[in-house]
Amino acid sequence: VDTPLDLINWTIDHTKREDVRIVRTPVLDELQ
């Protein structure tokens, strides 16, 4: 239901957000 119709591979940068934390899980060597 939530998937958008737009399929362009827009850059999504969650590091801009202050409502989530940047973590190293589930993959240790990636920013998540």
PDB file of all heavy atoms in Angstrom:
ATOM      1  N   VAL A   1       0.830  -1.208   0.000  1.00  0.00           N
ATOM      2  CA  VAL A   1       0.000   0.000   0.000  1.00  0.00           C
ATOM      3  C   VAL A   1       0.861   1.253   0.000  1.00  0.00           C
ATOM      4  O   VAL A   1       0.613   2.210  -0.742  1.00  0.00           O
ATOM      5  CB  VAL A   1      -0.954   0.000   1.216  1.00  0.00           C
ATOM      6  CG1 VAL A   1      -1.630   1.353   1.387  1.00  0.00           C
ATOM      7  CG2 VAL A   1      -2.011  -1.090   1.055  1.00  0.00           C
ATOM      8  N   ASP A   2       1.902   1.259   0.811  1.00  0.00           N
ATOM      9  CA  ASP A   2       2.688   2.480   1.032  1.00  0.00           C
ATOM     10  C   ASP A   2       3.675   2.777  -0.092  1.00  0.00           C
ATOM     11  O   ASP A   2       4.140   3.913  -0.217  1.00  0.00           O
ATOM     12  CB  ASP A   2       3.448   2.362   2.359  1.00  0.00           C
ATOM     13  CG  ASP A   2       4.048   3.684   2.805  1.00  0.00           C
ATOM     14  OD1 ASP A   2       3.304   4.683   2.864  1.00  0.00           O
ATOM     15  OD2 ASP A   2       5.263   3.734   3.073  1.00  0.00           O
ATOM     16  N   THR A   3       4.014   1.800  -0.912  1.00  0.00           N
ATOM     17  CA  THR A   3       4.974   2.020  -1.994  1.00  0.00           C
ATOM     18  C   THR A   3       4.501   3.134  -2.914  1.00  0.00           C
ATOM     19  O   THR A   3       3.375   3.102  -3.404  1.00  0.00           O
ATOM     20  CB  THR A   3       5.172   0.729  -2.809  1.00  0.00           C
ATOM     21  OG1 THR A   3       5.706  -0.276  -1.959  1.00  0.00           O
ATOM     22  CG2 THR A   3       6.124   0.961  -3.977  1.00  0.00           C
ATOM     23  N   PRO A   4       5.336   4.134  -3.193  1.00  0.00           N
ATOM     24  CA  PRO A   4       4.929   5.212  -4.104  1.00  0.00           C
ATOM     25  C   PRO A   4       4.876   4.745  -5.547  1.00  0.00           C
ATOM     26  O   PRO A   4       5.509   3.747  -5.924  1.00  0.00           O
ATOM     27  CB  PRO A   4       6.007   6.280  -3.890  1.00  0.00           C
ATOM     28  CG  PRO A   4       7.186   5.545  -3.360  1.00  0.00           C
ATOM     29  CD  PRO A   4       6.667   4.367  -2.607  1.00  0.00           C
ATOM     30  N   LEU A   5       4.138   5.465  -6.364  1.00  0.00           N
ATOM     31  CA  LEU A   5       4.056   5.156  -7.794  1.00  0.00           C
ATOM     32  C   LEU A   5       5.304   5.591  -8.536  1.00  0.00           C
ATOM     33  O   LEU A   5       5.618   5.060  -9.603  1.00  0.00           O
ATOM     34  CB  LEU A   5       2.829   5.835  -8.406  1.00  0.00           C
ATOM     35  CG  LEU A   5       1.476   5.466  -7.792  1.00  0.00           C
ATOM     36  CD1 LEU A   5       0.355   6.251  -8.474  1.00  0.00           C
ATOM     37  CD2 LEU A   5       1.211   3.975  -7.891  1.00  0.00           C
ATOM     38  N   ASP A   6       5.994   6.559  -8.005  1.00  0.00           N
ATOM     39  CA  ASP A   6       7.202   7.103  -8.623  1.00  0.00           C
ATOM     40  C   ASP A   6       8.338   6.092  -8.506  1.00  0.00           C
ATOM     41  O   ASP A   6       8.735   5.705  -7.406  1.00  0.00           O
ATOM     42  CB  ASP A   6       7.567   8.410  -7.912  1.00  0.00           C
ATOM     43  CG  ASP A   6       8.725   9.151  -8.557  1.00  0.00           C
ATOM     44  OD1 ASP A   6       9.361   8.601  -9.483  1.00  0.00           O
ATOM     45  OD2 ASP A   6       9.000  10.293  -8.128  1.00  0.00           O
ATOM     46  N   LEU A   7       8.904   5.676  -9.648  1.00  0.00           N
ATOM     47  CA  LEU A   7       9.969   4.675  -9.667  1.00  0.00           C
ATOM     48  C   LEU A   7      11.340   5.275  -9.953  1.00  0.00           C
ATOM     49  O   LEU A   7      12.322   4.534 -10.084  1.00  0.00           O
ATOM     50  CB  LEU A   7       9.656   3.604 -10.714  1.00  0.00           C
ATOM     51  CG  LEU A   7       8.393   2.775 -10.452  1.00  0.00           C
ATOM     52  CD1 LEU A   7       8.050   1.929 -11.667  1.00  0.00           C
ATOM     53  CD2 LEU A   7       8.557   1.907  -9.222  1.00  0.00           C
ATOM     54  N   ILE A   8      11.416   6.604 -10.076  1.00  0.00           N
ATOM     55  CA  ILE A   8      12.719   7.245 -10.248  1.00  0.00           C
ATOM     56  C   ILE A   8      13.546   7.004  -8.989  1.00  0.00           C
ATOM     57  O   ILE A   8      13.048   7.121  -7.866  1.00  0.00           O
ATOM     58  CB  ILE A   8      12.564   8.750 -10.518  1.00  0.00           C
ATOM     59  CG1 ILE A   8      11.831   8.969 -11.850  1.00  0.00           C
ATOM     60  CG2 ILE A   8      13.921   9.452 -10.541  1.00  0.00           C
ATOM     61  CD1 ILE A   8      11.460  10.409 -12.118  1.00  0.00           C
ATOM     62  N   ASN A   9      14.799   6.684  -9.184  1.00  0.00           N
ATOM     63  CA  ASN A   9      15.656   6.296  -8.062  1.00  0.00           C
ATOM     64  C   ASN A   9      16.210   7.532  -7.348  1.00  0.00           C
ATOM     65  O   ASN A   9      17.418   7.754  -7.274  1.00  0.00           O
ATOM     66  CB  ASN A   9      16.803   5.419  -8.578  1.00  0.00           C
ATOM     67  CG  ASN A   9      17.506   4.669  -7.472  1.00  0.00           C
ATOM     68  OD1 ASN A   9      16.866   4.180  -6.541  1.00  0.00           O
ATOM     69  ND2 ASN A   9      18.820   4.578  -7.564  1.00  0.00           N
ATOM     70  N   TRP A  10      15.295   8.333  -6.801  1.00  0.00           N
ATOM     71  CA  TRP A  10      15.696   9.565  -6.124  1.00  0.00           C
ATOM     72  C   TRP A  10      16.656   9.275  -4.972  1.00  0.00           C
ATOM     73  O   TRP A  10      16.541   8.261  -4.295  1.00  0.00           O
ATOM     74  CB  TRP A  10      14.471  10.294  -5.575  1.00  0.00           C
ATOM     75  CG  TRP A  10      13.494  10.761  -6.594  1.00  0.00           C
ATOM     76  CD1 TRP A  10      12.246  10.254  -6.837  1.00  0.00           C
ATOM     77  CD2 TRP A  10      13.681  11.831  -7.530  1.00  0.00           C
ATOM     78  NE1 TRP A  10      11.645  10.945  -7.854  1.00  0.00           N
ATOM     79  CE2 TRP A  10      12.489  11.916  -8.298  1.00  0.00           C
ATOM     80  CE3 TRP A  10      14.719  12.726  -7.791  1.00  0.00           C
ATOM     81  CZ2 TRP A  10      12.317  12.862  -9.307  1.00  0.00           C
ATOM     82  CZ3 TRP A  10      14.547  13.666  -8.796  1.00  0.00           C
ATOM     83  CH2 TRP A  10      13.367  13.734  -9.539  1.00  0.00           C
ATOM     84  N   THR A  11      17.566  10.190  -4.739  1.00  0.00           N
ATOM     85  CA  THR A  11      18.458  10.070  -3.589  1.00  0.00           C
ATOM     86  C   THR A  11      17.659  10.296  -2.310  1.00  0.00           C
ATOM     87  O   THR A  11      16.970  11.315  -2.167  1.00  0.00           O
ATOM     88  CB  THR A  11      19.597  11.098  -3.670  1.00  0.00           C
ATOM     89  OG1 THR A  11      20.324  10.890  -4.879  1.00  0.00           O
ATOM     90  CG2 THR A  11      20.534  10.956  -2.479  1.00  0.00           C
ATOM     91  N   ILE A  12      17.742   9.363  -1.414  1.00  0.00           N
ATOM     92  CA  ILE A  12      17.093   9.473  -0.101  1.00  0.00           C
ATOM     93  C   ILE A  12      18.203   9.548   0.939  1.00  0.00           C
ATOM     94  O   ILE A  12      18.983   8.604   1.086  1.00  0.00           O
ATOM     95  CB  ILE A  12      16.178   8.275   0.190  1.00  0.00           C
ATOM     96  CG1 ILE A  12      15.191   8.047  -0.954  1.00  0.00           C
ATOM     97  CG2 ILE A  12      15.461   8.480   1.512  1.00  0.00           C
ATOM     98  CD1 ILE A  12      14.151   9.117  -1.130  1.00  0.00           C
ATOM     99  N   ASP A  13      18.264  10.661   1.641  1.00  0.00           N
ATOM    100  CA  ASP A  13      19.336  10.889   2.614  1.00  0.00           C
ATOM    101  C   ASP A  13      18.741  11.061   4.005  1.00  0.00           C
ATOM    102  O   ASP A  13      18.313  12.151   4.388  1.00  0.00           O
ATOM    103  CB  ASP A  13      20.146  12.124   2.219  1.00  0.00           C
ATOM    104  CG  ASP A  13      21.344  12.354   3.123  1.00  0.00           C
ATOM    105  OD1 ASP A  13      21.506  11.585   4.095  1.00  0.00           O
ATOM    106  OD2 ASP A  13      22.111  13.307   2.876  1.00  0.00           O
ATOM    107  N   HIS A  14      18.717   9.975   4.757  1.00  0.00           N
ATOM    108  CA  HIS A  14      18.149  10.009   6.107  1.00  0.00           C
ATOM    109  C   HIS A  14      19.087  10.656   7.119  1.00  0.00           C
ATOM    110  O   HIS A  14      18.662  10.911   8.253  1.00  0.00           O
ATOM    111  CB  HIS A  14      17.802   8.591   6.564  1.00  0.00           C
ATOM    112  CG  HIS A  14      16.705   7.951   5.776  1.00  0.00           C
ATOM    113  ND1 HIS A  14      15.384   8.292   5.923  1.00  0.00           N
ATOM    114  CD2 HIS A  14      16.732   6.992   4.807  1.00  0.00           C
ATOM    115  CE1 HIS A  14      14.643   7.569   5.099  1.00  0.00           C
ATOM    116  NE2 HIS A  14      15.435   6.775   4.405  1.00  0.00           N
ATOM    117  N   THR A  15      20.325  10.922   6.720  1.00  0.00           N
ATOM    118  CA  THR A  15      21.238  11.566   7.667  1.00  0.00           C
ATOM    119  C   THR A  15      20.808  12.996   7.957  1.00  0.00           C
ATOM    120  O   THR A  15      21.264  13.591   8.940  1.00  0.00           O
ATOM    121  CB  THR A  15      22.687  11.563   7.139  1.00  0.00           C
ATOM    122  OG1 THR A  15      22.771  12.361   5.947  1.00  0.00           O
ATOM    123  CG2 THR A  15      23.155  10.150   6.842  1.00  0.00           C
ATOM    124  N   LYS A  16      19.927  13.563   7.120  1.00  0.00           N
ATOM    125  CA  LYS A  16      19.416  14.915   7.367  1.00  0.00           C
ATOM    126  C   LYS A  16      18.414  14.949   8.516  1.00  0.00           C
ATOM    127  O   LYS A  16      18.152  16.003   9.072  1.00  0.00           O
ATOM    128  CB  LYS A  16      18.723  15.450   6.108  1.00  0.00           C
ATOM    129  CG  LYS A  16      19.588  15.588   4.880  1.00  0.00           C
ATOM    130  CD  LYS A  16      18.736  16.068   3.703  1.00  0.00           C
ATOM    131  CE  LYS A  16      19.549  16.245   2.440  1.00  0.00           C
ATOM    132  NZ  LYS A  16      18.684  16.688   1.305  1.00  0.00           N
ATOM    133  N   ARG A  17      17.850  13.789   8.807  1.00  0.00           N
ATOM    134  CA  ARG A  17      16.754  13.731   9.772  1.00  0.00           C
ATOM    135  C   ARG A  17      17.270  13.709  11.211  1.00  0.00           C
ATOM    136  O   ARG A  17      18.273  13.067  11.507  1.00  0.00           O
ATOM    137  CB  ARG A  17      15.910  12.485   9.519  1.00  0.00           C
ATOM    138  CG  ARG A  17      15.228  12.449   8.179  1.00  0.00           C
ATOM    139  CD  ARG A  17      14.610  11.094   7.900  1.00  0.00           C
ATOM    140  NE  ARG A  17      13.676  10.678   8.941  1.00  0.00           N
ATOM    141  CZ  ARG A  17      13.160   9.454   9.039  1.00  0.00           C
ATOM    142  NH1 ARG A  17      13.526   8.516   8.170  1.00  0.00           N
ATOM    143  NH2 ARG A  17      12.317   9.159  10.010  1.00  0.00           N
ATOM    144  N   GLU A  18      16.538  14.383  12.078  1.00  0.00           N
ATOM    145  CA  GLU A  18      16.866  14.384  13.499  1.00  0.00           C
ATOM    146  C   GLU A  18      15.965  13.453  14.306  1.00  0.00           C
ATOM    147  O   GLU A  18      16.193  13.278  15.507  1.00  0.00           O
ATOM    148  CB  GLU A  18      16.762  15.804  14.059  1.00  0.00           C
ATOM    149  CG  GLU A  18      17.738  16.791  13.427  1.00  0.00           C
ATOM    150  CD  GLU A  18      17.582  18.186  13.974  1.00  0.00           C
ATOM    151  OE1 GLU A  18      17.495  18.342  15.209  1.00  0.00           O
ATOM    152  OE2 GLU A  18      17.521  19.136  13.174  1.00  0.00           O
ATOM    153  N   ASP A  19      14.960  12.850  13.644  1.00  0.00           N
ATOM    154  CA  ASP A  19      14.045  11.958  14.359  1.00  0.00           C
ATOM    155  C   ASP A  19      14.502  10.513  14.348  1.00  0.00           C
ATOM    156  O   ASP A  19      13.822   9.645  14.913  1.00  0.00           O
ATOM    157  CB  ASP A  19      12.631  12.066  13.778  1.00  0.00           C
ATOM    158  CG  ASP A  19      12.590  11.707  12.300  1.00  0.00           C
ATOM    159  OD1 ASP A  19      13.514  12.091  11.571  1.00  0.00           O
ATOM    160  OD2 ASP A  19      11.619  11.052  11.864  1.00  0.00           O
ATOM    161  N   VAL A  20      15.624  10.226  13.694  1.00  0.00           N
ATOM    162  CA  VAL A  20      16.207   8.890  13.721  1.00  0.00           C
ATOM    163  C   VAL A  20      17.687   9.011  14.056  1.00  0.00           C
ATOM    164  O   VAL A  20      18.292  10.070  13.894  1.00  0.00           O
ATOM    165  CB  VAL A  20      16.042   8.157  12.367  1.00  0.00           C
ATOM    166  CG1 VAL A  20      14.575   7.867  12.096  1.00  0.00           C
ATOM    167  CG2 VAL A  20      16.643   8.964  11.230  1.00  0.00           C
ATOM    168  N   ARG A  21      18.248   7.907  14.522  1.00  0.00           N
ATOM    169  CA  ARG A  21      19.675   7.870  14.805  1.00  0.00           C
ATOM    170  C   ARG A  21      20.410   7.139  13.692  1.00  0.00           C
ATOM    171  O   ARG A  21      19.864   6.231  13.074  1.00  0.00           O
ATOM    172  CB  ARG A  21      19.937   7.156  16.142  1.00  0.00           C
ATOM    173  CG  ARG A  21      19.411   7.883  17.364  1.00  0.00           C
ATOM    174  CD  ARG A  21      19.687   7.091  18.643  1.00  0.00           C
ATOM    175  NE  ARG A  21      18.936   5.840  18.683  1.00  0.00           N
ATOM    176  CZ  ARG A  21      19.464   4.638  18.524  1.00  0.00           C
ATOM    177  NH1 ARG A  21      20.785   4.499  18.322  1.00  0.00           N
ATOM    178  NH2 ARG A  21      18.712   3.547  18.579  1.00  0.00           N
ATOM    179  N   ILE A  22      21.635   7.532  13.443  1.00  0.00           N
ATOM    180  CA  ILE A  22      22.489   6.808  12.511  1.00  0.00           C
ATOM    181  C   ILE A  22      23.192   5.703  13.293  1.00  0.00           C
ATOM    182  O   ILE A  22      23.822   5.955  14.315  1.00  0.00           O
ATOM    183  CB  ILE A  22      23.512   7.743  11.846  1.00  0.00           C
ATOM    184  CG1 ILE A  22      22.777   8.864  11.110  1.00  0.00           C
ATOM    185  CG2 ILE A  22      24.404   6.970  10.892  1.00  0.00           C
ATOM    186  CD1 ILE A  22      21.801   8.387  10.043  1.00  0.00           C
ATOM    187  N   VAL A  23      23.040   4.461  12.798  1.00  0.00           N
ATOM    188  CA  VAL A  23      23.539   3.303  13.534  1.00  0.00           C
ATOM    189  C   VAL A  23      24.352   2.406  12.605  1.00  0.00           C
ATOM    190  O   VAL A  23      24.424   2.636  11.394  1.00  0.00           O
ATOM    191  CB  VAL A  23      22.372   2.506  14.161  1.00  0.00           C
ATOM    192  CG1 VAL A  23      21.626   3.349  15.176  1.00  0.00           C
ATOM    193  CG2 VAL A  23      21.414   2.006  13.068  1.00  0.00           C
ATOM    194  N   ARG A  24      24.932   1.372  13.172  1.00  0.00           N
ATOM    195  CA  ARG A  24      25.730   0.391  12.427  1.00  0.00           C
ATOM    196  C   ARG A  24      25.097  -0.992  12.521  1.00  0.00           C
ATOM    197  O   ARG A  24      25.788  -1.986  12.679  1.00  0.00           O
ATOM    198  CB  ARG A  24      27.151   0.352  12.986  1.00  0.00           C
ATOM    199  CG  ARG A  24      27.930   1.630  12.765  1.00  0.00           C
ATOM    200  CD  ARG A  24      28.419   1.752  11.341  1.00  0.00           C
ATOM    201  NE  ARG A  24      29.296   2.901  11.143  1.00  0.00           N
ATOM    202  CZ  ARG A  24      29.939   3.160  10.015  1.00  0.00           C
ATOM    203  NH1 ARG A  24      29.805   2.342   8.983  1.00  0.00           N
ATOM    204  NH2 ARG A  24      30.705   4.210   9.895  1.00  0.00           N
ATOM    205  N   THR A  25      23.799  -1.041  12.396  1.00  0.00           N
ATOM    206  CA  THR A  25      23.093  -2.310  12.446  1.00  0.00           C
ATOM    207  C   THR A  25      21.926  -2.256  11.480  1.00  0.00           C
ATOM    208  O   THR A  25      21.333  -1.185  11.304  1.00  0.00           O
ATOM    209  CB  THR A  25      22.607  -2.619  13.882  1.00  0.00           C
ATOM    210  OG1 THR A  25      21.978  -3.891  13.934  1.00  0.00           O
ATOM    211  CG2 THR A  25      21.625  -1.578  14.380  1.00  0.00           C
ATOM    212  N   PRO A  26      21.603  -3.361  10.799  1.00  0.00           N
ATOM    213  CA  PRO A  26      22.103  -4.730  10.989  1.00  0.00           C
ATOM    214  C   PRO A  26      23.449  -5.027  10.325  1.00  0.00           C
ATOM    215  O   PRO A  26      24.029  -6.082  10.593  1.00  0.00           O
ATOM    216  CB  PRO A  26      20.997  -5.578  10.340  1.00  0.00           C
ATOM    217  CG  PRO A  26      20.413  -4.704   9.295  1.00  0.00           C
ATOM    218  CD  PRO A  26      20.455  -3.316   9.858  1.00  0.00           C
ATOM    219  N   VAL A  27      23.920  -4.141   9.446  1.00  0.00           N
ATOM    220  CA  VAL A  27      25.189  -4.387   8.762  1.00  0.00           C
ATOM    221  C   VAL A  27      26.251  -3.494   9.392  1.00  0.00           C
ATOM    222  O   VAL A  27      26.130  -2.256   9.382  1.00  0.00           O
ATOM    223  CB  VAL A  27      25.077  -4.107   7.250  1.00  0.00           C
ATOM    224  CG1 VAL A  27      26.404  -4.402   6.562  1.00  0.00           C
ATOM    225  CG2 VAL A  27      23.963  -4.953   6.632  1.00  0.00           C
ATOM    226  N   LEU A  28      27.299  -4.104   9.922  1.00  0.00           N
ATOM    227  CA  LEU A  28      28.255  -3.390  10.752  1.00  0.00           C
ATOM    228  C   LEU A  28      29.010  -2.306   9.998  1.00  0.00           C
ATOM    229  O   LEU A  28      29.324  -1.248  10.555  1.00  0.00           O
ATOM    230  CB  LEU A  28      29.236  -4.383  11.379  1.00  0.00           C
ATOM    231  CG  LEU A  28      30.143  -3.866  12.494  1.00  0.00           C
ATOM    232  CD1 LEU A  28      29.323  -3.301  13.645  1.00  0.00           C
ATOM    233  CD2 LEU A  28      31.040  -4.992  12.990  1.00  0.00           C
ATOM    234  N   ASP A  29      29.321  -2.533   8.714  1.00  0.00           N
ATOM    235  CA  ASP A  29      30.166  -1.572   8.003  1.00  0.00           C
ATOM    236  C   ASP A  29      29.375  -0.643   7.082  1.00  0.00           C
ATOM    237  O   ASP A  29      29.908  -0.096   6.126  1.00  0.00           O
ATOM    238  CB  ASP A  29      31.256  -2.301   7.202  1.00  0.00           C
ATOM    239  CG  ASP A  29      30.696  -3.125   6.053  1.00  0.00           C
ATOM    240  OD1 ASP A  29      29.465  -3.330   6.020  1.00  0.00           O
ATOM    241  OD2 ASP A  29      31.488  -3.558   5.199  1.00  0.00           O
ATOM    242  N   GLU A  30      28.078  -0.441   7.382  1.00  0.00           N
ATOM    243  CA  GLU A  30      27.265   0.491   6.615  1.00  0.00           C
ATOM    244  C   GLU A  30      26.573   1.473   7.554  1.00  0.00           C
ATOM    245  O   GLU A  30      26.253   1.135   8.700  1.00  0.00           O
ATOM    246  CB  GLU A  30      26.198  -0.249   5.802  1.00  0.00           C
ATOM    247  CG  GLU A  30      26.746  -1.144   4.707  1.00  0.00           C
ATOM    248  CD  GLU A  30      25.636  -1.833   3.929  1.00  0.00           C
ATOM    249  OE1 GLU A  30      24.472  -1.363   3.992  1.00  0.00           O
ATOM    250  OE2 GLU A  30      25.929  -2.841   3.256  1.00  0.00           O
ATOM    251  N   LEU A  31      26.318   2.688   7.042  1.00  0.00           N
ATOM    252  CA  LEU A  31      25.512   3.652   7.783  1.00  0.00           C
ATOM    253  C   LEU A  31      24.042   3.322   7.573  1.00  0.00           C
ATOM    254  O   LEU A  31      23.570   3.227   6.443  1.00  0.00           O
ATOM    255  CB  LEU A  31      25.795   5.077   7.308  1.00  0.00           C
ATOM    256  CG  LEU A  31      27.167   5.664   7.640  1.00  0.00           C
ATOM    257  CD1 LEU A  31      27.277   7.075   7.074  1.00  0.00           C
ATOM    258  CD2 LEU A  31      27.407   5.682   9.147  1.00  0.00           C
ATOM    259  N   GLN A  32      23.314   3.150   8.677  1.00  0.00           N
ATOM    260  CA  GLN A  32      21.898   2.823   8.611  1.00  0.00           C
ATOM    261  C   GLN A  32      21.134   3.683   9.609  1.00  0.00           C
ATOM    262  O   GLN A  32      21.730   4.402  10.412  1.00  0.00           O
ATOM    263  CB  GLN A  32      21.692   1.337   8.900  1.00  0.00           C
ATOM    264  CG  GLN A  32      22.276   0.432   7.827  1.00  0.00           C
ATOM    265  CD  GLN A  32      23.045  -0.743   8.409  1.00  0.00           C
ATOM    266  OE1 GLN A  32      22.579  -1.862   8.378  1.00  0.00           O
ATOM    267  NE2 GLN A  32      24.217  -0.500   8.954  1.00  0.00           N
TER     268      GLN A  32
END
